[in-house]
Amino acid sequence: MPSNLDGIAQLFSSDMAGYFFAILQAFVIGLAPIVFAAVLVPGLGKKMGTSYAQVMTWLILWWPGLAIVNYIMMLYFQGRQRDTSLMVSPWPI
């Protein structure tokens, strides 16, 4: 029975994550002129500028975050493989 972690591993190991990132990045960068114009509007500019900066920061941290998740999953599966190999020992106890 696959766990949720297995599903996450399959999602991030597939090309879907890369396509999603590319589409999201193109959309956010395409909105830049509108956001920069809206920053000049009193009352709206600060909120919109802050939100846009947060989204850009999230996009910048996407690949390092993906590397950290990949490392954690690798450690998890190595431990799981080691536990499984210990269960099928060739020497009876």
PDB file of N, CA and C in Angstrom:
ATOM      1  N   MET A   1       0.850  -1.178   0.000  1.00  0.00           N
ATOM      2  CA  MET A   1       0.000   0.000   0.000  1.00  0.00           C
ATOM      3  C   MET A   1       0.895   1.241   0.000  1.00  0.00           C
ATOM      4  N   PRO A   2       0.804   2.080  -1.022  1.00  0.00           N
ATOM      5  CA  PRO A   2       1.681   3.254  -1.091  1.00  0.00           C
ATOM      6  C   PRO A   2       1.287   4.311  -0.065  1.00  0.00           C
ATOM      7  N   SER A   3       2.285   4.947   0.476  1.00  0.00           N
ATOM      8  CA  SER A   3       2.034   6.016   1.441  1.00  0.00           C
ATOM      9  C   SER A   3       1.941   7.353   0.712  1.00  0.00           C
ATOM     10  N   ASN A   4       1.596   8.388   1.444  1.00  0.00           N
ATOM     11  CA  ASN A   4       1.533   9.728   0.857  1.00  0.00           C
ATOM     12  C   ASN A   4       2.901  10.184   0.391  1.00  0.00           C
ATOM     13  N   LEU A   5       3.941   9.756   1.088  1.00  0.00           N
ATOM     14  CA  LEU A   5       5.295  10.145   0.712  1.00  0.00           C
ATOM     15  C   LEU A   5       5.677   9.548  -0.633  1.00  0.00           C
ATOM     16  N   ASP A   6       5.190   8.339  -0.916  1.00  0.00           N
ATOM     17  CA  ASP A   6       5.446   7.730  -2.220  1.00  0.00           C
ATOM     18  C   ASP A   6       4.796   8.551  -3.329  1.00  0.00           C
ATOM     19  N   GLY A   7       3.586   9.028  -3.075  1.00  0.00           N
ATOM     20  CA  GLY A   7       2.896   9.851  -4.070  1.00  0.00           C
ATOM     21  C   GLY A   7       3.607  11.167  -4.314  1.00  0.00           C
ATOM     22  N   ILE A   8       4.116  11.766  -3.254  1.00  0.00           N
ATOM     23  CA  ILE A   8       4.860  13.014  -3.394  1.00  0.00           C
ATOM     24  C   ILE A   8       6.142  12.773  -4.177  1.00  0.00           C
ATOM     25  N   ALA A   9       6.797  11.652  -3.906  1.00  0.00           N
ATOM     26  CA  ALA A   9       8.029  11.322  -4.626  1.00  0.00           C
ATOM     27  C   ALA A   9       7.755  11.158  -6.111  1.00  0.00           C
ATOM     28  N   GLN A  10       6.660  10.497  -6.452  1.00  0.00           N
ATOM     29  CA  GLN A  10       6.322  10.315  -7.856  1.00  0.00           C
ATOM     30  C   GLN A  10       5.987  11.643  -8.519  1.00  0.00           C
ATOM     31  N   LEU A  11       5.314  12.531  -7.792  1.00  0.00           N
ATOM     32  CA  LEU A  11       4.963  13.831  -8.357  1.00  0.00           C
ATOM     33  C   LEU A  11       6.205  14.640  -8.677  1.00  0.00           C
ATOM     34  N   PHE A  12       7.140  14.706  -7.730  1.00  0.00           N
ATOM     35  CA  PHE A  12       8.316  15.532  -7.940  1.00  0.00           C
ATOM     36  C   PHE A  12       9.348  14.882  -8.846  1.00  0.00           C
ATOM     37  N   SER A  13       9.300  13.569  -8.979  1.00  0.00           N
ATOM     38  CA  SER A  13      10.246  12.929  -9.886  1.00  0.00           C
ATOM     39  C   SER A  13       9.747  12.973 -11.324  1.00  0.00           C
ATOM     40  N   SER A  14       8.479  13.266 -11.510  1.00  0.00           N
ATOM     41  CA  SER A  14       7.947  13.361 -12.866  1.00  0.00           C
ATOM     42  C   SER A  14       8.257  14.744 -13.438  1.00  0.00           C
ATOM     43  N   ASP A  15       7.969  14.907 -14.699  1.00  0.00           N
ATOM     44  CA  ASP A  15       8.208  16.192 -15.352  1.00  0.00           C
ATOM     45  C   ASP A  15       7.130  17.215 -15.028  1.00  0.00           C
ATOM     46  N   MET A  16       6.060  16.796 -14.377  1.00  0.00           N
ATOM     47  CA  MET A  16       4.950  17.695 -14.107  1.00  0.00           C
ATOM     48  C   MET A  16       5.379  18.888 -13.254  1.00  0.00           C
ATOM     49  N   ALA A  17       6.243  18.663 -12.287  1.00  0.00           N
ATOM     50  CA  ALA A  17       6.685  19.755 -11.418  1.00  0.00           C
ATOM     51  C   ALA A  17       7.440  20.810 -12.217  1.00  0.00           C
ATOM     52  N   GLY A  18       8.265  20.389 -13.156  1.00  0.00           N
ATOM     53  CA  GLY A  18       9.002  21.331 -13.994  1.00  0.00           C
ATOM     54  C   GLY A  18       8.093  22.144 -14.891  1.00  0.00           C
ATOM     55  N   TYR A  19       7.084  21.488 -15.476  1.00  0.00           N
ATOM     56  CA  TYR A  19       6.127  22.202 -16.326  1.00  0.00           C
ATOM     57  C   TYR A  19       5.317  23.203 -15.512  1.00  0.00           C
ATOM     58  N   PHE A  20       4.879  22.785 -14.321  1.00  0.00           N
ATOM     59  CA  PHE A  20       4.116  23.680 -13.461  1.00  0.00           C
ATOM     60  C   PHE A  20       4.943  24.904 -13.092  1.00  0.00           C
ATOM     61  N   PHE A  21       6.208  24.691 -12.760  1.00  0.00           N
ATOM     62  CA  PHE A  21       7.086  25.801 -12.404  1.00  0.00           C
ATOM     63  C   PHE A  21       7.260  26.750 -13.584  1.00  0.00           C
ATOM     64  N   ALA A  22       7.485  26.223 -14.779  1.00  0.00           N
ATOM     65  CA  ALA A  22       7.710  27.064 -15.958  1.00  0.00           C
ATOM     66  C   ALA A  22       6.478  27.902 -16.280  1.00  0.00           C
ATOM     67  N   ILE A  23       5.298  27.309 -16.202  1.00  0.00           N
ATOM     68  CA  ILE A  23       4.061  28.045 -16.484  1.00  0.00           C
ATOM     69  C   ILE A  23       3.831  29.118 -15.430  1.00  0.00           C
ATOM     70  N   LEU A  24       4.017  28.771 -14.168  1.00  0.00           N
ATOM     71  CA  LEU A  24       3.821  29.742 -13.089  1.00  0.00           C
ATOM     72  C   LEU A  24       4.816  30.890 -13.185  1.00  0.00           C
ATOM     73  N   GLN A  25       6.060  30.577 -13.496  1.00  0.00           N
ATOM     74  CA  GLN A  25       7.079  31.612 -13.620  1.00  0.00           C
ATOM     75  C   GLN A  25       6.765  32.548 -14.786  1.00  0.00           C
ATOM     76  N   ALA A  26       6.356  32.006 -15.920  1.00  0.00           N
ATOM     77  CA  ALA A  26       6.008  32.846 -17.068  1.00  0.00           C
ATOM     78  C   ALA A  26       4.829  33.754 -16.737  1.00  0.00           C
ATOM     79  N   PHE A  27       3.842  33.223 -16.026  1.00  0.00           N
ATOM     80  CA  PHE A  27       2.676  34.020 -15.649  1.00  0.00           C
ATOM     81  C   PHE A  27       3.062  35.151 -14.701  1.00  0.00           C
ATOM     82  N   VAL A  28       3.864  34.850 -13.693  1.00  0.00           N
ATOM     83  CA  VAL A  28       4.250  35.862 -12.700  1.00  0.00           C
ATOM     84  C   VAL A  28       5.127  36.935 -13.336  1.00  0.00           C
ATOM     85  N   ILE A  29       6.056  36.539 -14.173  1.00  0.00           N
ATOM     86  CA  ILE A  29       6.912  37.528 -14.837  1.00  0.00           C
ATOM     87  C   ILE A  29       6.101  38.358 -15.821  1.00  0.00           C
ATOM     88  N   GLY A  30       5.113  37.742 -16.464  1.00  0.00           N
ATOM     89  CA  GLY A  30       4.246  38.487 -17.377  1.00  0.00           C
ATOM     90  C   GLY A  30       3.407  39.539 -16.664  1.00  0.00           C
ATOM     91  N   LEU A  31       3.101  39.305 -15.403  1.00  0.00           N
ATOM     92  CA  LEU A  31       2.323  40.277 -14.623  1.00  0.00           C
ATOM     93  C   LEU A  31       3.159  41.438 -14.089  1.00  0.00           C
ATOM     94  N   ALA A  32       4.458  41.382 -14.242  1.00  0.00           N
ATOM     95  CA  ALA A  32       5.346  42.394 -13.662  1.00  0.00           C
ATOM     96  C   ALA A  32       4.982  43.824 -14.059  1.00  0.00           C
ATOM     97  N   PRO A  33       4.733  44.132 -15.348  1.00  0.00           N
ATOM     98  CA  PRO A  33       4.385  45.526 -15.676  1.00  0.00           C
ATOM     99  C   PRO A  33       3.106  46.006 -14.997  1.00  0.00           C
ATOM    100  N   ILE A  34       2.127  45.123 -14.887  1.00  0.00           N
ATOM    101  CA  ILE A  34       0.867  45.501 -14.233  1.00  0.00           C
ATOM    102  C   ILE A  34       1.100  45.738 -12.743  1.00  0.00           C
ATOM    103  N   VAL A  35       1.893  44.891 -12.127  1.00  0.00           N
ATOM    104  CA  VAL A  35       2.173  45.039 -10.696  1.00  0.00           C
ATOM    105  C   VAL A  35       2.970  46.310 -10.443  1.00  0.00           C
ATOM    106  N   PHE A  36       3.961  46.576 -11.284  1.00  0.00           N
ATOM    107  CA  PHE A  36       4.763  47.789 -11.087  1.00  0.00           C
ATOM    108  C   PHE A  36       3.922  49.049 -11.264  1.00  0.00           C
ATOM    109  N   ALA A  37       2.945  49.023 -12.175  1.00  0.00           N
ATOM    110  CA  ALA A  37       2.037  50.168 -12.324  1.00  0.00           C
ATOM    111  C   ALA A  37       1.102  50.269 -11.123  1.00  0.00           C
ATOM    112  N   ALA A  38       0.647  49.133 -10.605  1.00  0.00           N
ATOM    113  CA  ALA A  38      -0.274  49.142  -9.471  1.00  0.00           C
ATOM    114  C   ALA A  38       0.412  49.572  -8.182  1.00  0.00           C
ATOM    115  N   VAL A  39       1.724  49.418  -8.106  1.00  0.00           N
ATOM    116  CA  VAL A  39       2.457  49.845  -6.909  1.00  0.00           C
ATOM    117  C   VAL A  39       2.335  51.355  -6.722  1.00  0.00           C
ATOM    118  N   LEU A  40       2.121  52.074  -7.799  1.00  0.00           N
ATOM    119  CA  LEU A  40       1.994  53.528  -7.721  1.00  0.00           C
ATOM    120  C   LEU A  40       0.631  53.981  -7.211  1.00  0.00           C
ATOM    121  N   VAL A  41      -0.351  53.090  -7.151  1.00  0.00           N
ATOM    122  CA  VAL A  41      -1.692  53.439  -6.677  1.00  0.00           C
ATOM    123  C   VAL A  41      -1.676  53.477  -5.150  1.00  0.00           C
ATOM    124  N   PRO A  42      -2.096  54.601  -4.569  1.00  0.00           N
ATOM    125  CA  PRO A  42      -2.097  54.696  -3.103  1.00  0.00           C
ATOM    126  C   PRO A  42      -3.058  53.683  -2.471  1.00  0.00           C
ATOM    127  N   GLY A  43      -2.628  53.056  -1.412  1.00  0.00           N
ATOM    128  CA  GLY A  43      -3.470  52.103  -0.694  1.00  0.00           C
ATOM    129  C   GLY A  43      -3.398  50.684  -1.237  1.00  0.00           C
ATOM    130  N   LEU A  44      -3.252  50.533  -2.521  1.00  0.00           N
ATOM    131  CA  LEU A  44      -3.210  49.210  -3.137  1.00  0.00           C
ATOM    132  C   LEU A  44      -1.779  48.756  -3.390  1.00  0.00           C
ATOM    133  N   GLY A  45      -0.909  49.702  -3.637  1.00  0.00           N
ATOM    134  CA  GLY A  45       0.448  49.389  -4.066  1.00  0.00           C
ATOM    135  C   GLY A  45       1.260  48.586  -3.076  1.00  0.00           C
ATOM    136  N   LYS A  46       1.167  48.934  -1.800  1.00  0.00           N
ATOM    137  CA  LYS A  46       1.986  48.242  -0.807  1.00  0.00           C
ATOM    138  C   LYS A  46       1.580  46.775  -0.685  1.00  0.00           C
ATOM    139  N   LYS A  47       0.274  46.511  -0.648  1.00  0.00           N
ATOM    140  CA  LYS A  47      -0.201  45.130  -0.529  1.00  0.00           C
ATOM    141  C   LYS A  47       0.182  44.313  -1.757  1.00  0.00           C
ATOM    142  N   MET A  48      -0.049  44.892  -2.926  1.00  0.00           N
ATOM    143  CA  MET A  48       0.237  44.160  -4.153  1.00  0.00           C
ATOM    144  C   MET A  48       1.740  43.950  -4.325  1.00  0.00           C
ATOM    145  N   GLY A  49       2.530  44.954  -4.007  1.00  0.00           N
ATOM    146  CA  GLY A  49       3.982  44.819  -4.113  1.00  0.00           C
ATOM    147  C   GLY A  49       4.531  43.770  -3.161  1.00  0.00           C
ATOM    148  N   THR A  50       3.994  43.741  -1.943  1.00  0.00           N
ATOM    149  CA  THR A  50       4.423  42.743  -0.967  1.00  0.00           C
ATOM    150  C   THR A  50       4.048  41.338  -1.421  1.00  0.00           C
ATOM    151  N   SER A  51       2.826  41.178  -1.903  1.00  0.00           N
ATOM    152  CA  SER A  51       2.390  39.862  -2.380  1.00  0.00           C
ATOM    153  C   SER A  51       3.222  39.404  -3.567  1.00  0.00           C
ATOM    154  N   TYR A  52       3.512  40.317  -4.474  1.00  0.00           N
ATOM    155  CA  TYR A  52       4.316  39.971  -5.648  1.00  0.00           C
ATOM    156  C   TYR A  52       5.730  39.573  -5.228  1.00  0.00           C
ATOM    157  N   ALA A  53       6.293  40.285  -4.269  1.00  0.00           N
ATOM    158  CA  ALA A  53       7.634  39.944  -3.779  1.00  0.00           C
ATOM    159  C   ALA A  53       7.636  38.575  -3.103  1.00  0.00           C
ATOM    160  N   GLN A  54       6.566  38.245  -2.386  1.00  0.00           N
ATOM    161  CA  GLN A  54       6.476  36.936  -1.749  1.00  0.00           C
ATOM    162  C   GLN A  54       6.405  35.818  -2.787  1.00  0.00           C
ATOM    163  N   VAL A  55       5.627  36.021  -3.837  1.00  0.00           N
ATOM    164  CA  VAL A  55       5.527  35.012  -4.896  1.00  0.00           C
ATOM    165  C   VAL A  55       6.865  34.851  -5.604  1.00  0.00           C
ATOM    166  N   MET A  56       7.548  35.955  -5.872  1.00  0.00           N
ATOM    167  CA  MET A  56       8.858  35.864  -6.527  1.00  0.00           C
ATOM    168  C   MET A  56       9.872  35.145  -5.626  1.00  0.00           C
ATOM    169  N   THR A  57       9.820  35.409  -4.322  1.00  0.00           N
ATOM    170  CA  THR A  57      10.712  34.714  -3.386  1.00  0.00           C
ATOM    171  C   THR A  57      10.416  33.222  -3.378  1.00  0.00           C
ATOM    172  N   TRP A  58       9.130  32.868  -3.405  1.00  0.00           N
ATOM    173  CA  TRP A  58       8.741  31.463  -3.440  1.00  0.00           C
ATOM    174  C   TRP A  58       9.262  30.793  -4.713  1.00  0.00           C
ATOM    175  N   LEU A  59       9.172  31.489  -5.835  1.00  0.00           N
ATOM    176  CA  LEU A  59       9.676  30.931  -7.092  1.00  0.00           C
ATOM    177  C   LEU A  59      11.196  30.759  -7.058  1.00  0.00           C
ATOM    178  N   ILE A  60      11.879  31.712  -6.446  1.00  0.00           N
ATOM    179  CA  ILE A  60      13.339  31.620  -6.358  1.00  0.00           C
ATOM    180  C   ILE A  60      13.750  30.432  -5.483  1.00  0.00           C
ATOM    181  N   LEU A  61      12.983  30.164  -4.427  1.00  0.00           N
ATOM    182  CA  LEU A  61      13.326  29.085  -3.500  1.00  0.00           C
ATOM    183  C   LEU A  61      12.761  27.728  -3.922  1.00  0.00           C
ATOM    184  N   TRP A  62      12.121  27.659  -5.095  1.00  0.00           N
ATOM    185  CA  TRP A  62      11.500  26.414  -5.557  1.00  0.00           C
ATOM    186  C   TRP A  62      12.534  25.297  -5.692  1.00  0.00           C
ATOM    187  N   TRP A  63      13.605  25.526  -6.456  1.00  0.00           N
ATOM    188  CA  TRP A  63      14.585  24.467  -6.730  1.00  0.00           C
ATOM    189  C   TRP A  63      15.389  24.073  -5.502  1.00  0.00           C
ATOM    190  N   PRO A  64      15.831  25.013  -4.651  1.00  0.00           N
ATOM    191  CA  PRO A  64      16.490  24.555  -3.416  1.00  0.00           C
ATOM    192  C   PRO A  64      15.546  23.745  -2.522  1.00  0.00           C
ATOM    193  N   GLY A  65      14.284  24.147  -2.463  1.00  0.00           N
ATOM    194  CA  GLY A  65      13.306  23.378  -1.686  1.00  0.00           C
ATOM    195  C   GLY A  65      13.095  21.993  -2.256  1.00  0.00           C
ATOM    196  N   LEU A  66      13.063  21.905  -3.569  1.00  0.00           N
ATOM    197  CA  LEU A  66      12.914  20.613  -4.230  1.00  0.00           C
ATOM    198  C   LEU A  66      14.116  19.716  -3.943  1.00  0.00           C
ATOM    199  N   ALA A  67      15.304  20.298  -3.895  1.00  0.00           N
ATOM    200  CA  ALA A  67      16.504  19.517  -3.580  1.00  0.00           C
ATOM    201  C   ALA A  67      16.459  19.005  -2.142  1.00  0.00           C
ATOM    202  N   ILE A  68      15.959  19.815  -1.217  1.00  0.00           N
ATOM    203  CA  ILE A  68      15.851  19.388   0.180  1.00  0.00           C
ATOM    204  C   ILE A  68      14.839  18.259   0.317  1.00  0.00           C
ATOM    205  N   VAL A  69      13.690  18.397  -0.348  1.00  0.00           N
ATOM    206  CA  VAL A  69      12.677  17.337  -0.314  1.00  0.00           C
ATOM    207  C   VAL A  69      13.235  16.052  -0.918  1.00  0.00           C
ATOM    208  N   ASN A  70      13.962  16.177  -2.016  1.00  0.00           N
ATOM    209  CA  ASN A  70      14.565  15.009  -2.652  1.00  0.00           C
ATOM    210  C   ASN A  70      15.552  14.328  -1.705  1.00  0.00           C
ATOM    211  N   TYR A  71      16.356  15.104  -0.999  1.00  0.00           N
ATOM    212  CA  TYR A  71      17.332  14.549  -0.052  1.00  0.00           C
ATOM    213  C   TYR A  71      16.626  13.811   1.091  1.00  0.00           C
ATOM    214  N   ILE A  72      15.569  14.416   1.629  1.00  0.00           N
ATOM    215  CA  ILE A  72      14.827  13.781   2.721  1.00  0.00           C
ATOM    216  C   ILE A  72      14.192  12.480   2.253  1.00  0.00           C
ATOM    217  N   MET A  73      13.610  12.494   1.054  1.00  0.00           N
ATOM    218  CA  MET A  73      12.999  11.274   0.524  1.00  0.00           C
ATOM    219  C   MET A  73      14.051  10.202   0.272  1.00  0.00           C
ATOM    220  N   MET A  74      15.230  10.607  -0.192  1.00  0.00           N
ATOM    221  CA  MET A  74      16.303   9.651  -0.430  1.00  0.00           C
ATOM    222  C   MET A  74      16.714   8.979   0.887  1.00  0.00           C
ATOM    223  N   LEU A  75      16.857   9.775   1.956  1.00  0.00           N
ATOM    224  CA  LEU A  75      17.197   9.205   3.258  1.00  0.00           C
ATOM    225  C   LEU A  75      16.098   8.268   3.756  1.00  0.00           C
ATOM    226  N   TYR A  76      14.848   8.664   3.548  1.00  0.00           N
ATOM    227  CA  TYR A  76      13.718   7.841   3.978  1.00  0.00           C
ATOM    228  C   TYR A  76      13.724   6.499   3.254  1.00  0.00           C
ATOM    229  N   PHE A  77      13.900   6.522   1.950  1.00  0.00           N
ATOM    230  CA  PHE A  77      13.859   5.282   1.185  1.00  0.00           C
ATOM    231  C   PHE A  77      15.091   4.416   1.434  1.00  0.00           C
ATOM    232  N   GLN A  78      16.232   5.025   1.727  1.00  0.00           N
ATOM    233  CA  GLN A  78      17.407   4.230   2.086  1.00  0.00           C
ATOM    234  C   GLN A  78      17.173   3.506   3.409  1.00  0.00           C
ATOM    235  N   GLY A  79      16.586   4.203   4.367  1.00  0.00           N
ATOM    236  CA  GLY A  79      16.267   3.567   5.645  1.00  0.00           C
ATOM    237  C   GLY A  79      15.228   2.483   5.487  1.00  0.00           C
ATOM    238  N   ARG A  80      14.254   2.733   4.640  1.00  0.00           N
ATOM    239  CA  ARG A  80      13.208   1.745   4.395  1.00  0.00           C
ATOM    240  C   ARG A  80      13.782   0.510   3.705  1.00  0.00           C
ATOM    241  N   GLN A  81      14.701   0.721   2.785  1.00  0.00           N
ATOM    242  CA  GLN A  81      15.328  -0.396   2.090  1.00  0.00           C
ATOM    243  C   GLN A  81      16.192  -1.205   3.064  1.00  0.00           C
ATOM    244  N   ARG A  82      16.900  -0.515   3.957  1.00  0.00           N
ATOM    245  CA  ARG A  82      17.733  -1.200   4.935  1.00  0.00           C
ATOM    246  C   ARG A  82      16.866  -2.025   5.885  1.00  0.00           C
ATOM    247  N   ASP A  83      15.734  -1.457   6.326  1.00  0.00           N
ATOM    248  CA  ASP A  83      14.834  -2.188   7.215  1.00  0.00           C
ATOM    249  C   ASP A  83      14.266  -3.414   6.519  1.00  0.00           C
ATOM    250  N   THR A  84      13.939  -3.294   5.259  1.00  0.00           N
ATOM    251  CA  THR A  84      13.392  -4.413   4.501  1.00  0.00           C
ATOM    252  C   THR A  84      14.441  -5.501   4.317  1.00  0.00           C
ATOM    253  N   SER A  85      15.678  -5.099   4.051  1.00  0.00           N
ATOM    254  CA  SER A  85      16.726  -6.102   3.851  1.00  0.00           C
ATOM    255  C   SER A  85      17.047  -6.829   5.152  1.00  0.00           C
ATOM    256  N   LEU A  86      16.853  -6.183   6.285  1.00  0.00           N
ATOM    257  CA  LEU A  86      17.091  -6.851   7.563  1.00  0.00           C
ATOM    258  C   LEU A  86      15.992  -7.863   7.878  1.00  0.00           C
ATOM    259  N   MET A  87      14.793  -7.629   7.346  1.00  0.00           N
ATOM    260  CA  MET A  87      13.684  -8.532   7.616  1.00  0.00           C
ATOM    261  C   MET A  87      13.835  -9.855   6.869  1.00  0.00           C
ATOM    262  N   VAL A  88      14.538  -9.883   5.760  1.00  0.00           N
ATOM    263  CA  VAL A  88      14.694 -11.110   4.977  1.00  0.00           C
ATOM    264  C   VAL A  88      16.134 -11.607   5.088  1.00  0.00           C
ATOM    265  N   SER A  89      16.586 -11.768   6.284  1.00  0.00           N
ATOM    266  CA  SER A  89      17.954 -12.220   6.527  1.00  0.00           C
ATOM    267  C   SER A  89      18.110 -13.681   6.101  1.00  0.00           C
ATOM    268  N   PRO A  90      19.229 -14.028   5.472  1.00  0.00           N
ATOM    269  CA  PRO A  90      19.433 -15.416   5.063  1.00  0.00           C
ATOM    270  C   PRO A  90      19.726 -16.349   6.237  1.00  0.00           C
ATOM    271  N   TRP A  91      20.068 -15.787   7.397  1.00  0.00           N
ATOM    272  CA  TRP A  91      20.377 -16.611   8.561  1.00  0.00           C
ATOM    273  C   TRP A  91      19.193 -16.611   9.522  1.00  0.00           C
ATOM    274  N   PRO A  92      18.683 -17.765   9.850  1.00  0.00           N
ATOM    275  CA  PRO A  92      17.561 -17.803  10.805  1.00  0.00           C
ATOM    276  C   PRO A  92      18.037 -17.431  12.206  1.00  0.00           C
ATOM    277  N   ILE A  93      17.187 -16.820  12.930  1.00  0.00           N
ATOM    278  CA  ILE A  93      17.545 -16.374  14.284  1.00  0.00           C
ATOM    279  C   ILE A  93      17.187 -17.447  15.282  1.00  0.00           C
TER     280      ILE A  93
END
